[in-house]
Structure formats: structure tokens, C-alpha cells
Amino acid sequence: MIEKYVVPGQKVDMKAVKRNPLQPVNPGQSERTYTTKIFDILTEDRIEILMPIEATKLILLPVDGEYEIFFYTELGLYECIGRVVDRYKSNNVYIVLVELETNLRKYQRREFYRYSCVLDMDARNLFEEEVDKLEQNGSLQLVPGLPLKRSVIVDISGGGLRFVSDYMYDKNSLILCNYKLFVKGESKEYKIVCKILDVKEVENRPGEYEHRVQYMNLDNDEREEIIQFIFEEERRNRHRQKGF
């Protein structure tokens, strides 16, 4: 319940969500963070927030604009994605009505949020010559035609992922991870070099191994796409739970 964490008067930060990683939502403003306060909690999904003010000037957040919202609560820092659905003035107070589009979650300052899922993935060890070229010029030049082993991604984030395979990769080794995500209305393939951070046998499932990996050659645009995929999936899950 949102009222367990969020109360009127609490500080919040709002930062515009990028819909297209290559172009800002609002040119010149997409990277800005606005600090304001909770005005009222209307329902589990709708809250009123005071219109941000900078240098005595009201910041008119656009209707239908989506924002990462960070709540400074007594239990710590929480976040979610919200959409501005209305703006109005009440008793000389300027308010934005925000609909929460993802569940409230604890914000991990040093880590990316990990989204639980089930996604097919193919993977293999990088050859030494591929590693050498990656270290020399920073580009991924793959040897064509090499077989890939099937795996299943069980959680994913903007910093790495966790997958299960019937093959055990060595800790600290570099592997190629090949999978697809549905982003910006279409299926996109990702070929990412990852470093094995941890590996262990799955409990009660002999011969299956869980691996935790970190992305090594992911550019900022691809990272934004993965994070956006997570937000969109959370939004769909929330709507399914509400019966939409």
C-alpha cells in the first residue's frame, strides 16, 4: 500500500523518462531533476504533487509526460514511474495529478533494479582472438559460425543479468550473450559481451547452473533500451493485475 510509505509533505524528485534513447523527451530538460513535495494521496494509483518551482517560476510539467519519481520516505528512498494526467489550481496551490504506472520499489543507489523474467538466450565463451580484438580497439568482432548454447534469463537489469544453463561457465570468464527484447514496438537482438561474476549449481536441479554476469561492452543507448524494456514490462504486469 502506497500510504504505508508515502505521506503528504514528503519530498519527491521527478526526472523525465526517455521514450527514445536517442532523443530527449523534452529537449533541454530531459536530464533535469525537479524537486517538489507530495500534496495528497487520492488512491493507490493516483497522487497529487505540488507543481515544481525553480527561481520562483512554476515548471509546467506536460500532461502525458512520464517521470521517474523518487520518494524520500522514513523507510528509505523509493521509486516508481508515473504519468502526469492533469494539472490544476486548488486553493491557490498549483498541482499535478500523477498516475503511478509501476509498483513502488526500494531504490538501490549502487545497483540497477533487477527484473524477474523468463527469456530465451544463446551464449558461448569468447575465443581468445575475440577478447584480444575487444581489448585492442573496443569493438566486438565475432568469429562467424560458432555454436551457441541455449540458456534462460531469469532476471535482467541495466547492469547485467542472471541466467540458468546446463553448461557451467568459469568464473571471471568472458562470454557472448545473444537474446532479443521487445523495445520501441519491435523485436531487437542484443549481442553483448558479459563477465561471469558468480556461478553455482541450481538447488535440487543437478546439472543446471545459475550464472550472474555483468555487461562489458554495452553502450548507453542499449542500456537505456533495456531499462525501458523493464519499465514497459512492469507497466504491463501492473495493468494485468488490475484487470485492464
C-alpha atoms as a PDB file:
ATOM      1  CA  MET A   1       0.000   0.000   0.000  1.00  0.00           C
ATOM      2  CA  ILE A   2       1.419   3.352  -1.027  1.00  0.00           C
ATOM      3  CA  GLU A   3       0.157   5.053   2.161  1.00  0.00           C
ATOM      4  CA  LYS A   4       2.460   2.782   4.149  1.00  0.00           C
ATOM      5  CA  TYR A   5       5.429   4.609   2.615  1.00  0.00           C
ATOM      6  CA  VAL A   6       4.232   7.923   1.163  1.00  0.00           C
ATOM      7  CA  VAL A   7       2.517  10.749   3.066  1.00  0.00           C
ATOM      8  CA  PRO A   8       1.635  14.361   2.186  1.00  0.00           C
ATOM      9  CA  GLY A   9       4.500  16.797   2.655  1.00  0.00           C
ATOM     10  CA  GLN A  10       7.245  14.346   1.745  1.00  0.00           C
ATOM     11  CA  LYS A  11       9.962  15.415  -0.639  1.00  0.00           C
ATOM     12  CA  VAL A  12       9.987  13.883  -4.136  1.00  0.00           C
ATOM     13  CA  ASP A  13      12.326  14.203  -7.112  1.00  0.00           C
ATOM     14  CA  MET A  14      10.994  13.878 -10.672  1.00  0.00           C
ATOM     15  CA  LYS A  15      13.058  13.120 -13.778  1.00  0.00           C
ATOM     16  CA  ALA A  16      11.614  12.733 -17.286  1.00  0.00           C
ATOM     17  CA  VAL A  17      11.645   9.224 -18.754  1.00  0.00           C
ATOM     18  CA  LYS A  18      13.210   8.945 -22.190  1.00  0.00           C
ATOM     19  CA  ARG A  19      10.921   7.169 -24.653  1.00  0.00           C
ATOM     20  CA  ASN A  20      13.563   7.226 -27.395  1.00  0.00           C
ATOM     21  CA  PRO A  21      17.092   6.892 -26.010  1.00  0.00           C
ATOM     22  CA  LEU A  22      18.490   8.874 -28.964  1.00  0.00           C
ATOM     23  CA  GLN A  23      16.264  11.917 -28.456  1.00  0.00           C
ATOM     24  CA  PRO A  24      15.188  13.668 -25.246  1.00  0.00           C
ATOM     25  CA  VAL A  25      11.501  13.688 -24.367  1.00  0.00           C
ATOM     26  CA  ASN A  26      11.652  17.426 -23.745  1.00  0.00           C
ATOM     27  CA  PRO A  27      14.685  18.948 -25.485  1.00  0.00           C
ATOM     28  CA  GLY A  28      16.945  20.694 -22.992  1.00  0.00           C
ATOM     29  CA  GLN A  29      15.031  19.338 -19.983  1.00  0.00           C
ATOM     30  CA  SER A  30      15.178  15.520 -20.144  1.00  0.00           C
ATOM     31  CA  GLU A  31      18.190  15.269 -17.829  1.00  0.00           C
ATOM     32  CA  ARG A  32      16.862  17.747 -15.257  1.00  0.00           C
ATOM     33  CA  THR A  33      15.531  16.631 -11.927  1.00  0.00           C
ATOM     34  CA  TYR A  34      12.739  18.631 -10.301  1.00  0.00           C
ATOM     35  CA  THR A  35      12.352  18.652  -6.529  1.00  0.00           C
ATOM     36  CA  THR A  36       8.902  19.143  -5.036  1.00  0.00           C
ATOM     37  CA  LYS A  37       6.517  17.614  -2.445  1.00  0.00           C
ATOM     38  CA  ILE A  38       3.562  15.254  -2.157  1.00  0.00           C
ATOM     39  CA  PHE A  39       0.310  17.203  -1.782  1.00  0.00           C
ATOM     40  CA  ASP A  40      -2.176  14.360  -1.274  1.00  0.00           C
ATOM     41  CA  ILE A  41      -2.750  10.625  -1.779  1.00  0.00           C
ATOM     42  CA  LEU A  42      -6.017  10.110  -3.680  1.00  0.00           C
ATOM     43  CA  THR A  43      -5.976   6.363  -4.419  1.00  0.00           C
ATOM     44  CA  GLU A  44      -3.487   3.521  -4.587  1.00  0.00           C
ATOM     45  CA  ASP A  45      -2.614   4.620  -8.138  1.00  0.00           C
ATOM     46  CA  ARG A  46      -3.107   8.400  -8.118  1.00  0.00           C
ATOM     47  CA  ILE A  47      -1.322  11.092  -6.146  1.00  0.00           C
ATOM     48  CA  GLU A  48      -1.245  14.877  -6.200  1.00  0.00           C
ATOM     49  CA  ILE A  49       2.165  16.545  -6.342  1.00  0.00           C
ATOM     50  CA  LEU A  50       2.905  20.234  -5.972  1.00  0.00           C
ATOM     51  CA  MET A  51       3.927  21.822  -9.264  1.00  0.00           C
ATOM     52  CA  PRO A  52       7.740  22.226  -9.174  1.00  0.00           C
ATOM     53  CA  ILE A  53       9.103  25.751  -8.790  1.00  0.00           C
ATOM     54  CA  GLU A  54      12.529  26.993  -9.870  1.00  0.00           C
ATOM     55  CA  ALA A  55      13.669  30.537  -9.115  1.00  0.00           C
ATOM     56  CA  THR A  56      10.063  31.485  -8.235  1.00  0.00           C
ATOM     57  CA  LYS A  57       8.883  30.199 -11.646  1.00  0.00           C
ATOM     58  CA  LEU A  58       6.382  27.358 -11.994  1.00  0.00           C
ATOM     59  CA  ILE A  59       7.578  24.412 -14.079  1.00  0.00           C
ATOM     60  CA  LEU A  60       4.564  23.275 -16.133  1.00  0.00           C
ATOM     61  CA  LEU A  61       5.114  19.551 -16.433  1.00  0.00           C
ATOM     62  CA  PRO A  62       3.356  18.378 -19.616  1.00  0.00           C
ATOM     63  CA  VAL A  63       0.218  16.250 -19.471  1.00  0.00           C
ATOM     64  CA  ASP A  64       1.051  12.656 -20.530  1.00  0.00           C
ATOM     65  CA  GLY A  65       4.695  13.241 -19.617  1.00  0.00           C
ATOM     66  CA  GLU A  66       6.249  10.239 -17.851  1.00  0.00           C
ATOM     67  CA  TYR A  67       8.665  10.642 -14.952  1.00  0.00           C
ATOM     68  CA  GLU A  68      10.843   8.624 -12.668  1.00  0.00           C
ATOM     69  CA  ILE A  69       9.619   9.648  -9.225  1.00  0.00           C
ATOM     70  CA  PHE A  70      11.845   9.251  -6.180  1.00  0.00           C
ATOM     71  CA  PHE A  71      10.109   9.313  -2.779  1.00  0.00           C
ATOM     72  CA  TYR A  72      12.112  10.288   0.319  1.00  0.00           C
ATOM     73  CA  THR A  73      10.302   8.256   2.965  1.00  0.00           C
ATOM     74  CA  GLU A  74      11.034   7.386   6.577  1.00  0.00           C
ATOM     75  CA  LEU A  75      11.752   3.831   5.397  1.00  0.00           C
ATOM     76  CA  GLY A  76      14.271   4.944   2.784  1.00  0.00           C
ATOM     77  CA  LEU A  77      14.296   6.032  -0.844  1.00  0.00           C
ATOM     78  CA  TYR A  78      11.627   4.505  -3.104  1.00  0.00           C
ATOM     79  CA  GLU A  79      10.931   4.953  -6.799  1.00  0.00           C
ATOM     80  CA  CYS A  80       8.357   4.292  -9.499  1.00  0.00           C
ATOM     81  CA  ILE A  81       7.276   5.551 -12.922  1.00  0.00           C
ATOM     82  CA  GLY A  82       4.378   7.995 -13.029  1.00  0.00           C
ATOM     83  CA  ARG A  83       2.445   9.796 -15.767  1.00  0.00           C
ATOM     84  CA  VAL A  84       1.017  13.304 -15.469  1.00  0.00           C
ATOM     85  CA  VAL A  85      -2.703  13.039 -16.226  1.00  0.00           C
ATOM     86  CA  ASP A  86      -3.851  16.532 -15.251  1.00  0.00           C
ATOM     87  CA  ARG A  87      -2.756  19.966 -13.994  1.00  0.00           C
ATOM     88  CA  TYR A  88      -4.919  22.340 -11.988  1.00  0.00           C
ATOM     89  CA  LYS A  89      -5.081  25.001  -9.290  1.00  0.00           C
ATOM     90  CA  SER A  90      -6.779  24.363  -5.948  1.00  0.00           C
ATOM     91  CA  ASN A  91      -6.964  26.985  -3.182  1.00  0.00           C
ATOM     92  CA  ASN A  92      -4.140  28.951  -4.818  1.00  0.00           C
ATOM     93  CA  VAL A  93      -1.963  25.819  -4.965  1.00  0.00           C
ATOM     94  CA  TYR A  94      -0.769  24.523  -8.341  1.00  0.00           C
ATOM     95  CA  ILE A  95      -0.961  20.740  -8.553  1.00  0.00           C
ATOM     96  CA  VAL A  96      -0.074  17.955 -10.973  1.00  0.00           C
ATOM     97  CA  LEU A  97      -2.149  14.786 -10.830  1.00  0.00           C
ATOM     98  CA  VAL A  98       0.090  11.760 -11.349  1.00  0.00           C
ATOM     99  CA  GLU A  99      -0.946   8.191 -12.125  1.00  0.00           C
ATOM    100  CA  LEU A 100       1.548   5.586 -10.930  1.00  0.00           C
ATOM    101  CA  GLU A 101       2.386   3.168 -13.747  1.00  0.00           C
ATOM    102  CA  THR A 102       4.750   0.811 -11.919  1.00  0.00           C
ATOM    103  CA  ASN A 103       4.813  -0.554  -8.397  1.00  0.00           C
ATOM    104  CA  LEU A 104       6.703   1.332  -5.714  1.00  0.00           C
ATOM    105  CA  ARG A 105      10.108  -0.273  -5.106  1.00  0.00           C
ATOM    106  CA  LYS A 106      13.116   0.335  -2.916  1.00  0.00           C
ATOM    107  CA  TYR A 107      15.725   2.350  -4.791  1.00  0.00           C
ATOM    108  CA  GLN A 108      19.185   0.780  -4.790  1.00  0.00           C
ATOM    109  CA  ARG A 109      21.611   3.657  -5.235  1.00  0.00           C
ATOM    110  CA  ARG A 110      24.561   1.500  -6.289  1.00  0.00           C
ATOM    111  CA  GLU A 111      22.734  -1.118  -8.310  1.00  0.00           C
ATOM    112  CA  PHE A 112      20.357  -1.349 -11.235  1.00  0.00           C
ATOM    113  CA  TYR A 113      16.924  -2.730 -10.452  1.00  0.00           C
ATOM    114  CA  ARG A 114      16.720  -6.407 -11.438  1.00  0.00           C
ATOM    115  CA  TYR A 115      13.523  -7.508 -13.181  1.00  0.00           C
ATOM    116  CA  SER A 116      12.469 -11.166 -12.804  1.00  0.00           C
ATOM    117  CA  CYS A 117      11.560 -12.772 -16.124  1.00  0.00           C
ATOM    118  CA  VAL A 118      11.893 -15.853 -18.331  1.00  0.00           C
ATOM    119  CA  LEU A 119      13.678 -15.086 -21.616  1.00  0.00           C
ATOM    120  CA  ASP A 120      15.457 -17.375 -24.065  1.00  0.00           C
ATOM    121  CA  MET A 121      19.139 -16.666 -24.613  1.00  0.00           C
ATOM    122  CA  ASP A 122      22.022 -18.248 -26.502  1.00  0.00           C
ATOM    123  CA  ALA A 123      25.576 -17.987 -25.182  1.00  0.00           C
ATOM    124  CA  ARG A 124      29.133 -19.189 -25.677  1.00  0.00           C
ATOM    125  CA  ASN A 125      32.645 -18.489 -24.433  1.00  0.00           C
ATOM    126  CA  LEU A 126      34.583 -15.799 -26.266  1.00  0.00           C
ATOM    127  CA  PHE A 127      37.624 -17.041 -28.143  1.00  0.00           C
ATOM    128  CA  GLU A 128      40.996 -15.589 -27.193  1.00  0.00           C
ATOM    129  CA  GLU A 129      41.320 -13.746 -30.512  1.00  0.00           C
ATOM    130  CA  GLU A 130      37.886 -12.148 -29.970  1.00  0.00           C
ATOM    131  CA  VAL A 131      38.932 -10.996 -26.493  1.00  0.00           C
ATOM    132  CA  ASP A 132      42.191  -9.587 -27.893  1.00  0.00           C
ATOM    133  CA  LYS A 133      40.395  -7.538 -30.549  1.00  0.00           C
ATOM    134  CA  LEU A 134      37.879  -6.284 -27.982  1.00  0.00           C
ATOM    135  CA  GLU A 135      40.712  -5.136 -25.699  1.00  0.00           C
ATOM    136  CA  GLN A 136      42.689  -3.570 -28.561  1.00  0.00           C
ATOM    137  CA  ASN A 137      40.034  -1.457 -30.272  1.00  0.00           C
ATOM    138  CA  GLY A 138      36.924  -1.788 -28.118  1.00  0.00           C
ATOM    139  CA  SER A 139      34.853  -3.335 -30.919  1.00  0.00           C
ATOM    140  CA  LEU A 140      33.253  -6.761 -30.945  1.00  0.00           C
ATOM    141  CA  GLN A 141      34.498  -8.796 -33.919  1.00  0.00           C
ATOM    142  CA  LEU A 142      32.992 -12.257 -33.684  1.00  0.00           C
ATOM    143  CA  VAL A 143      34.257 -15.412 -35.351  1.00  0.00           C
ATOM    144  CA  PRO A 144      31.264 -16.442 -37.516  1.00  0.00           C
ATOM    145  CA  GLY A 145      29.510 -19.782 -37.387  1.00  0.00           C
ATOM    146  CA  LEU A 146      30.437 -20.875 -33.877  1.00  0.00           C
ATOM    147  CA  PRO A 147      27.755 -22.874 -31.994  1.00  0.00           C
ATOM    148  CA  LEU A 148      25.813 -21.284 -29.157  1.00  0.00           C
ATOM    149  CA  LYS A 149      24.420 -22.994 -26.072  1.00  0.00           C
ATOM    150  CA  ARG A 150      20.804 -22.401 -25.038  1.00  0.00           C
ATOM    151  CA  SER A 151      20.193 -20.647 -21.717  1.00  0.00           C
ATOM    152  CA  VAL A 152      17.282 -18.980 -19.921  1.00  0.00           C
ATOM    153  CA  ILE A 153      17.476 -15.464 -18.461  1.00  0.00           C
ATOM    154  CA  VAL A 154      15.763 -15.353 -15.044  1.00  0.00           C
ATOM    155  CA  ASP A 155      16.372 -11.684 -14.253  1.00  0.00           C
ATOM    156  CA  ILE A 156      17.731  -8.704 -16.137  1.00  0.00           C
ATOM    157  CA  SER A 157      18.834  -5.155 -15.353  1.00  0.00           C
ATOM    158  CA  GLY A 158      20.663  -2.239 -16.899  1.00  0.00           C
ATOM    159  CA  GLY A 159      23.921  -3.568 -15.452  1.00  0.00           C
ATOM    160  CA  GLY A 160      23.767  -7.288 -16.102  1.00  0.00           C
ATOM    161  CA  LEU A 161      21.620 -10.386 -15.917  1.00  0.00           C
ATOM    162  CA  ARG A 162      21.224 -13.794 -14.301  1.00  0.00           C
ATOM    163  CA  PHE A 163      20.697 -16.930 -16.364  1.00  0.00           C
ATOM    164  CA  VAL A 164      20.409 -20.691 -15.988  1.00  0.00           C
ATOM    165  CA  SER A 165      22.163 -23.168 -18.270  1.00  0.00           C
ATOM    166  CA  ASP A 166      23.060 -26.859 -18.331  1.00  0.00           C
ATOM    167  CA  TYR A 167      26.625 -25.740 -19.058  1.00  0.00           C
ATOM    168  CA  MET A 168      28.874 -24.236 -16.361  1.00  0.00           C
ATOM    169  CA  TYR A 169      30.974 -21.259 -17.412  1.00  0.00           C
ATOM    170  CA  ASP A 170      34.117 -20.384 -15.480  1.00  0.00           C
ATOM    171  CA  LYS A 171      34.013 -17.520 -13.027  1.00  0.00           C
ATOM    172  CA  ASN A 172      35.633 -14.304 -14.415  1.00  0.00           C
ATOM    173  CA  SER A 173      35.468 -15.645 -17.988  1.00  0.00           C
ATOM    174  CA  LEU A 174      34.006 -13.587 -20.835  1.00  0.00           C
ATOM    175  CA  ILE A 175      31.024 -14.909 -22.754  1.00  0.00           C
ATOM    176  CA  LEU A 176      28.811 -13.742 -25.605  1.00  0.00           C
ATOM    177  CA  CYS A 177      25.132 -13.355 -24.635  1.00  0.00           C
ATOM    178  CA  ASN A 178      22.659 -13.251 -27.511  1.00  0.00           C
ATOM    179  CA  TYR A 179      18.974 -12.509 -26.791  1.00  0.00           C
ATOM    180  CA  LYS A 180      16.010 -10.484 -28.029  1.00  0.00           C
ATOM    181  CA  LEU A 181      13.858  -7.872 -26.305  1.00  0.00           C
ATOM    182  CA  PHE A 182      10.679  -6.163 -27.497  1.00  0.00           C
ATOM    183  CA  VAL A 183      11.583  -2.451 -27.418  1.00  0.00           C
ATOM    184  CA  LYS A 184      10.104   0.582 -29.173  1.00  0.00           C
ATOM    185  CA  GLY A 185       7.416  -1.573 -30.761  1.00  0.00           C
ATOM    186  CA  GLU A 186       9.671  -4.174 -32.331  1.00  0.00           C
ATOM    187  CA  SER A 187      11.892  -7.127 -31.510  1.00  0.00           C
ATOM    188  CA  LYS A 188      15.578  -6.218 -31.229  1.00  0.00           C
ATOM    189  CA  GLU A 189      18.544  -8.552 -30.970  1.00  0.00           C
ATOM    190  CA  TYR A 190      21.342  -7.896 -28.486  1.00  0.00           C
ATOM    191  CA  LYS A 191      24.823  -9.390 -28.712  1.00  0.00           C
ATOM    192  CA  ILE A 192      26.626  -8.415 -25.531  1.00  0.00           C
ATOM    193  CA  VAL A 193      29.935  -9.475 -24.014  1.00  0.00           C
ATOM    194  CA  CYS A 194      29.448 -10.344 -20.351  1.00  0.00           C
ATOM    195  CA  LYS A 195      31.762 -11.251 -17.492  1.00  0.00           C
ATOM    196  CA  ILE A 196      30.822 -14.150 -15.230  1.00  0.00           C
ATOM    197  CA  LEU A 197      30.678 -12.773 -11.672  1.00  0.00           C
ATOM    198  CA  ASP A 198      29.300 -15.834  -9.930  1.00  0.00           C
ATOM    199  CA  VAL A 199      28.206 -19.372 -10.755  1.00  0.00           C
ATOM    200  CA  LYS A 200      26.522 -22.069  -8.691  1.00  0.00           C
ATOM    201  CA  GLU A 201      24.573 -25.261  -9.219  1.00  0.00           C
ATOM    202  CA  VAL A 202      20.804 -24.812  -9.000  1.00  0.00           C
ATOM    203  CA  GLU A 203      19.429 -26.290  -5.797  1.00  0.00           C
ATOM    204  CA  ASN A 204      17.578 -29.606  -6.318  1.00  0.00           C
ATOM    205  CA  ARG A 205      18.343 -29.492 -10.065  1.00  0.00           C
ATOM    206  CA  PRO A 206      21.604 -31.386 -10.681  1.00  0.00           C
ATOM    207  CA  GLY A 207      23.393 -30.443 -13.879  1.00  0.00           C
ATOM    208  CA  GLU A 208      21.849 -26.960 -14.104  1.00  0.00           C
ATOM    209  CA  TYR A 209      23.884 -23.894 -13.235  1.00  0.00           C
ATOM    210  CA  GLU A 210      22.917 -20.339 -12.326  1.00  0.00           C
ATOM    211  CA  HIS A 211      25.236 -17.584 -13.575  1.00  0.00           C
ATOM    212  CA  ARG A 212      25.328 -13.911 -12.639  1.00  0.00           C
ATOM    213  CA  VAL A 213      27.006 -11.684 -15.227  1.00  0.00           C
ATOM    214  CA  GLN A 214      27.961  -8.052 -15.794  1.00  0.00           C
ATOM    215  CA  TYR A 215      27.754  -6.312 -19.192  1.00  0.00           C
ATOM    216  CA  MET A 216      31.191  -5.390 -20.546  1.00  0.00           C
ATOM    217  CA  ASN A 217      30.582  -3.641 -23.899  1.00  0.00           C
ATOM    218  CA  LEU A 218      27.085  -2.187 -23.569  1.00  0.00           C
ATOM    219  CA  ASP A 219      26.686   1.361 -24.896  1.00  0.00           C
ATOM    220  CA  ASN A 220      24.447   3.911 -23.186  1.00  0.00           C
ATOM    221  CA  ASP A 221      21.712   3.715 -25.842  1.00  0.00           C
ATOM    222  CA  GLU A 222      21.383  -0.060 -25.453  1.00  0.00           C
ATOM    223  CA  ARG A 223      21.408   0.274 -21.663  1.00  0.00           C
ATOM    224  CA  GLU A 224      18.555   2.803 -21.871  1.00  0.00           C
ATOM    225  CA  GLU A 225      16.626   0.397 -24.121  1.00  0.00           C
ATOM    226  CA  ILE A 226      16.996  -2.451 -21.624  1.00  0.00           C
ATOM    227  CA  ILE A 227      15.862  -0.225 -18.757  1.00  0.00           C
ATOM    228  CA  GLN A 228      12.909   0.942 -20.857  1.00  0.00           C
ATOM    229  CA  PHE A 229      12.012  -2.692 -21.616  1.00  0.00           C
ATOM    230  CA  ILE A 230      11.903  -3.360 -17.851  1.00  0.00           C
ATOM    231  CA  PHE A 231       9.653  -0.335 -17.236  1.00  0.00           C
ATOM    232  CA  GLU A 232       7.286  -1.392 -20.027  1.00  0.00           C
ATOM    233  CA  GLU A 233       7.057  -4.975 -18.755  1.00  0.00           C
ATOM    234  CA  GLU A 234       6.356  -3.752 -15.232  1.00  0.00           C
ATOM    235  CA  ARG A 235       3.627  -1.493 -16.584  1.00  0.00           C
ATOM    236  CA  ARG A 236       2.013  -4.391 -18.481  1.00  0.00           C
ATOM    237  CA  ASN A 237       2.165  -6.599 -15.393  1.00  0.00           C
ATOM    238  CA  ARG A 238       0.566  -3.900 -13.271  1.00  0.00           C
ATOM    239  CA  HIS A 239      -2.260  -3.437 -15.771  1.00  0.00           C
ATOM    240  CA  ARG A 240      -2.854  -7.213 -15.912  1.00  0.00           C
ATOM    241  CA  GLN A 241      -3.063  -7.330 -12.107  1.00  0.00           C
ATOM    242  CA  LYS A 242      -5.660  -4.546 -12.212  1.00  0.00           C
ATOM    243  CA  GLY A 243      -7.662  -6.430 -14.861  1.00  0.00           C
ATOM    244  CA  PHE A 244      -7.094  -3.981 -17.726  1.00  0.00           C
END
